[in-house]
N, C-alpha and C. Protein backbone atom coordinates (compact mmCIF):
# COMPACT_ATOMS: atom_id res chain seq x y z
N UNK A 1 44.31 88.66 110.86
CA UNK A 1 43.30 89.48 110.22
C UNK A 1 42.81 90.53 111.23
N UNK A 2 42.72 91.76 110.80
CA UNK A 2 42.21 92.83 111.66
C UNK A 2 40.70 92.71 111.80
N UNK A 3 40.22 93.11 112.95
CA UNK A 3 38.79 93.13 113.18
C UNK A 3 38.19 94.34 112.48
N UNK A 4 37.18 94.11 111.69
CA UNK A 4 36.45 95.19 111.03
C UNK A 4 35.11 95.28 111.73
N UNK A 5 34.94 96.33 112.52
CA UNK A 5 33.65 96.44 113.19
C UNK A 5 33.08 97.83 113.03
N UNK A 6 31.77 97.86 113.11
CA UNK A 6 31.01 99.08 112.89
C UNK A 6 30.06 99.25 114.07
N UNK A 7 29.97 100.45 114.58
CA UNK A 7 29.03 100.77 115.64
C UNK A 7 27.81 101.39 114.97
N UNK A 8 26.68 100.73 115.10
CA UNK A 8 25.46 101.14 114.41
C UNK A 8 24.32 101.35 115.38
N UNK A 9 23.56 102.38 115.17
CA UNK A 9 22.34 102.59 115.94
C UNK A 9 21.34 101.52 115.51
N UNK A 10 20.53 101.04 116.43
CA UNK A 10 19.50 100.06 116.09
C UNK A 10 18.25 100.82 115.65
N UNK A 11 17.87 100.65 114.41
CA UNK A 11 16.70 101.32 113.87
C UNK A 11 15.41 100.76 114.45
N UNK A 12 14.34 101.53 114.42
CA UNK A 12 13.07 101.11 115.03
C UNK A 12 12.53 99.80 114.46
N UNK A 13 12.71 99.56 113.17
CA UNK A 13 12.19 98.34 112.55
C UNK A 13 13.03 97.11 112.88
N UNK A 14 14.22 97.31 113.43
CA UNK A 14 15.11 96.19 113.73
C UNK A 14 15.12 95.82 115.21
N UNK A 15 14.50 96.62 116.05
CA UNK A 15 14.60 96.43 117.51
C UNK A 15 14.17 95.03 117.96
N UNK A 16 13.01 94.58 117.54
CA UNK A 16 12.52 93.27 117.99
C UNK A 16 13.43 92.14 117.53
N UNK A 17 13.86 92.19 116.27
CA UNK A 17 14.72 91.13 115.73
C UNK A 17 16.09 91.11 116.42
N UNK A 18 16.63 92.28 116.73
CA UNK A 18 17.92 92.36 117.41
C UNK A 18 17.80 91.81 118.84
N UNK A 19 16.76 92.21 119.54
CA UNK A 19 16.55 91.70 120.90
C UNK A 19 16.44 90.19 120.90
N UNK A 20 15.70 89.66 119.96
CA UNK A 20 15.53 88.20 119.87
C UNK A 20 16.85 87.51 119.54
N UNK A 21 17.59 88.04 118.57
CA UNK A 21 18.84 87.41 118.15
C UNK A 21 19.88 87.44 119.27
N UNK A 22 19.90 88.54 120.05
CA UNK A 22 20.87 88.66 121.14
C UNK A 22 20.32 88.11 122.46
N UNK A 23 19.13 87.54 122.42
CA UNK A 23 18.47 86.95 123.58
C UNK A 23 18.37 87.95 124.73
N UNK A 24 17.91 89.14 124.40
CA UNK A 24 17.72 90.21 125.37
C UNK A 24 16.23 90.54 125.44
N UNK A 25 15.79 91.03 126.59
CA UNK A 25 14.38 91.42 126.74
C UNK A 25 14.08 92.69 125.96
N UNK A 26 15.07 93.59 125.89
CA UNK A 26 14.93 94.87 125.20
C UNK A 26 16.13 95.05 124.29
N UNK A 27 15.91 95.58 123.12
CA UNK A 27 17.00 95.79 122.17
C UNK A 27 17.97 96.86 122.67
N UNK A 28 19.26 96.71 122.42
CA UNK A 28 20.22 97.75 122.78
C UNK A 28 20.02 98.96 121.87
N UNK A 29 20.54 100.11 122.29
CA UNK A 29 20.43 101.31 121.46
C UNK A 29 21.36 101.22 120.24
N UNK A 30 22.49 100.52 120.42
CA UNK A 30 23.49 100.37 119.37
C UNK A 30 23.99 98.93 119.35
N UNK A 31 24.49 98.51 118.20
CA UNK A 31 25.14 97.20 118.08
C UNK A 31 26.51 97.36 117.45
N UNK A 32 27.38 96.41 117.77
CA UNK A 32 28.65 96.30 117.06
C UNK A 32 28.46 95.21 116.03
N UNK A 33 28.74 95.52 114.79
CA UNK A 33 28.64 94.56 113.69
C UNK A 33 30.05 94.34 113.18
N UNK A 34 30.54 93.13 113.30
CA UNK A 34 31.87 92.81 112.80
C UNK A 34 31.73 92.04 111.50
N UNK A 35 32.44 92.49 110.48
CA UNK A 35 32.36 91.84 109.17
C UNK A 35 33.70 91.27 108.76
N UNK A 36 33.66 90.32 107.85
CA UNK A 36 34.87 89.68 107.34
C UNK A 36 35.49 90.48 106.20
N UNK A 37 34.70 91.33 105.58
CA UNK A 37 35.17 92.20 104.50
C UNK A 37 34.65 93.61 104.80
N UNK A 38 35.40 94.64 104.43
CA UNK A 38 34.97 96.01 104.74
C UNK A 38 33.69 96.40 104.02
N UNK A 39 32.93 97.28 104.66
CA UNK A 39 31.72 97.84 104.07
C UNK A 39 32.03 99.23 103.53
N UNK A 40 31.27 99.67 102.58
CA UNK A 40 31.45 100.99 101.99
C UNK A 40 30.43 101.95 102.57
N UNK A 41 30.85 103.19 102.77
CA UNK A 41 29.90 104.23 103.19
C UNK A 41 29.63 105.17 102.02
N UNK A 42 29.87 104.71 100.81
CA UNK A 42 29.62 105.51 99.62
C UNK A 42 28.15 105.94 99.58
N UNK A 43 27.91 107.20 99.38
CA UNK A 43 26.56 107.73 99.28
C UNK A 43 25.98 108.19 100.61
N UNK A 44 26.70 107.98 101.71
CA UNK A 44 26.22 108.47 103.00
C UNK A 44 26.60 109.94 103.14
N UNK A 45 25.68 110.78 103.58
CA UNK A 45 26.01 112.20 103.76
C UNK A 45 27.07 112.38 104.84
N UNK A 46 27.94 113.38 104.71
CA UNK A 46 28.93 113.64 105.75
C UNK A 46 28.26 113.82 107.12
N UNK A 47 28.82 113.20 108.12
CA UNK A 47 28.31 113.32 109.48
C UNK A 47 27.11 112.45 109.80
N UNK A 48 26.64 111.66 108.84
CA UNK A 48 25.49 110.81 109.12
C UNK A 48 25.92 109.61 109.96
N UNK A 49 24.97 109.06 110.69
CA UNK A 49 25.24 107.91 111.56
C UNK A 49 24.65 106.66 110.92
N UNK A 50 25.42 105.58 110.93
CA UNK A 50 24.95 104.31 110.39
C UNK A 50 23.94 103.67 111.32
N UNK A 51 23.01 102.92 110.73
CA UNK A 51 21.99 102.25 111.53
C UNK A 51 21.73 100.86 110.99
N UNK A 52 21.42 99.97 111.89
CA UNK A 52 20.98 98.63 111.53
C UNK A 52 19.49 98.75 111.26
N UNK A 53 19.11 98.60 110.00
CA UNK A 53 17.72 98.82 109.61
C UNK A 53 16.88 97.55 109.67
N UNK A 54 17.52 96.40 109.55
CA UNK A 54 16.77 95.16 109.55
C UNK A 54 17.65 93.96 109.80
N UNK A 55 17.03 92.91 110.34
CA UNK A 55 17.71 91.64 110.59
C UNK A 55 16.80 90.54 110.08
N UNK A 56 17.33 89.69 109.22
CA UNK A 56 16.52 88.61 108.66
C UNK A 56 17.25 87.29 108.69
N UNK A 57 16.64 86.29 108.15
CA UNK A 57 17.25 84.96 108.15
C UNK A 57 18.45 84.88 107.22
N UNK A 58 18.54 85.76 106.22
CA UNK A 58 19.65 85.73 105.28
C UNK A 58 20.77 86.71 105.60
N UNK A 59 20.51 87.69 106.48
CA UNK A 59 21.52 88.68 106.81
C UNK A 59 20.91 89.92 107.42
N UNK A 60 21.67 91.03 107.34
CA UNK A 60 21.24 92.29 107.93
C UNK A 60 21.23 93.39 106.88
N UNK A 61 20.46 94.44 107.15
CA UNK A 61 20.41 95.61 106.28
C UNK A 61 20.91 96.80 107.08
N UNK A 62 21.82 97.56 106.48
CA UNK A 62 22.41 98.73 107.10
C UNK A 62 22.07 99.94 106.25
N UNK A 63 21.81 101.06 106.91
CA UNK A 63 21.53 102.32 106.22
C UNK A 63 21.92 103.48 107.11
N UNK A 64 21.43 104.64 106.80
CA UNK A 64 21.72 105.83 107.61
C UNK A 64 20.60 106.06 108.61
N UNK A 65 20.96 106.48 109.80
CA UNK A 65 19.99 106.75 110.86
C UNK A 65 19.31 108.11 110.64
N UNK A 66 18.18 108.28 111.29
CA UNK A 66 17.48 109.55 111.38
C UNK A 66 17.06 110.12 110.03
N UNK A 67 16.65 109.26 109.12
CA UNK A 67 16.08 109.71 107.86
C UNK A 67 17.04 110.29 106.85
N UNK A 68 18.34 110.21 107.10
CA UNK A 68 19.31 110.71 106.12
C UNK A 68 19.22 109.87 104.85
N UNK A 69 19.34 110.50 103.74
CA UNK A 69 19.30 109.80 102.46
C UNK A 69 20.62 109.09 102.24
N UNK A 70 20.57 107.77 102.17
CA UNK A 70 21.77 106.96 101.92
C UNK A 70 21.32 105.62 101.38
N UNK A 71 22.16 104.99 100.58
CA UNK A 71 21.78 103.68 100.06
C UNK A 71 21.74 102.63 101.17
N UNK A 72 20.79 101.73 101.08
CA UNK A 72 20.72 100.61 102.01
C UNK A 72 21.69 99.54 101.52
N UNK A 73 22.30 98.84 102.48
CA UNK A 73 23.24 97.76 102.14
C UNK A 73 22.75 96.47 102.78
N UNK A 74 22.72 95.41 102.01
CA UNK A 74 22.43 94.08 102.54
C UNK A 74 23.74 93.37 102.79
N UNK A 75 23.91 92.84 103.99
CA UNK A 75 25.12 92.09 104.34
C UNK A 75 24.70 90.68 104.71
N UNK A 76 25.07 89.69 103.90
CA UNK A 76 24.68 88.32 104.20
C UNK A 76 25.40 87.81 105.46
N UNK A 77 24.76 86.86 106.15
CA UNK A 77 25.37 86.31 107.36
C UNK A 77 26.75 85.73 107.10
N UNK A 78 27.03 85.31 105.87
CA UNK A 78 28.35 84.77 105.54
C UNK A 78 29.46 85.80 105.71
N UNK A 79 29.13 87.09 105.67
CA UNK A 79 30.12 88.15 105.85
C UNK A 79 30.11 88.73 107.26
N UNK A 80 29.24 88.22 108.14
CA UNK A 80 29.15 88.74 109.51
C UNK A 80 29.92 87.82 110.44
N UNK A 81 30.92 88.40 111.13
CA UNK A 81 31.67 87.62 112.12
C UNK A 81 30.89 87.56 113.42
N UNK A 82 30.34 88.70 113.84
CA UNK A 82 29.48 88.72 115.02
C UNK A 82 28.63 89.98 115.06
N UNK A 83 27.56 89.88 115.84
CA UNK A 83 26.67 90.99 116.13
C UNK A 83 26.59 91.06 117.65
N UNK A 84 26.91 92.21 118.24
CA UNK A 84 26.97 92.32 119.70
C UNK A 84 26.37 93.62 120.18
N UNK A 85 25.99 93.64 121.44
CA UNK A 85 25.48 94.85 122.08
C UNK A 85 26.58 95.91 122.06
N UNK A 86 26.26 97.09 121.56
CA UNK A 86 27.23 98.17 121.49
C UNK A 86 26.85 99.39 122.32
N UNK A 87 25.89 99.23 123.22
CA UNK A 87 25.39 100.36 124.00
C UNK A 87 26.50 101.01 124.83
N UNK A 88 27.28 100.20 125.53
CA UNK A 88 28.35 100.75 126.37
C UNK A 88 29.39 101.48 125.54
N UNK A 89 29.74 100.94 124.39
CA UNK A 89 30.72 101.59 123.52
C UNK A 89 30.18 102.93 123.02
N UNK A 90 28.91 102.98 122.66
CA UNK A 90 28.31 104.23 122.19
C UNK A 90 28.33 105.29 123.30
N UNK A 91 28.05 104.88 124.53
CA UNK A 91 28.08 105.81 125.65
C UNK A 91 29.50 106.32 125.90
N UNK A 92 30.49 105.44 125.81
CA UNK A 92 31.89 105.84 126.00
C UNK A 92 32.31 106.82 124.93
N UNK A 93 31.90 106.59 123.70
CA UNK A 93 32.28 107.48 122.59
C UNK A 93 31.64 108.84 122.72
N UNK A 94 30.44 108.92 123.29
CA UNK A 94 29.77 110.22 123.49
C UNK A 94 30.51 111.06 124.51
N UNK A 95 31.13 110.43 125.50
CA UNK A 95 31.86 111.13 126.55
C UNK A 95 33.10 111.83 125.99
N UNK A 96 33.66 111.29 124.93
CA UNK A 96 34.92 111.83 124.38
C UNK A 96 34.69 113.04 123.55
């Protein structure tokens, strides 16, 4: 099975929950979210950046960063393979 992962900015409302879940003192700027089934970006404006908007006991919420109008998606933990710090990957991608 291929790894399906998404690099998402950590939204302001998700920072505390992400830091706690990853056992970090400070939340990373970005996370890698790996899912067992692909996610849709239907309704996201061209060029918009995905963001992790929330983390809860039942799963995570993903949307568009920086106030872009896009539908929010709830992803239950059953579809999440892992959630990891993606700060270094985001920095590497900016260099390219």
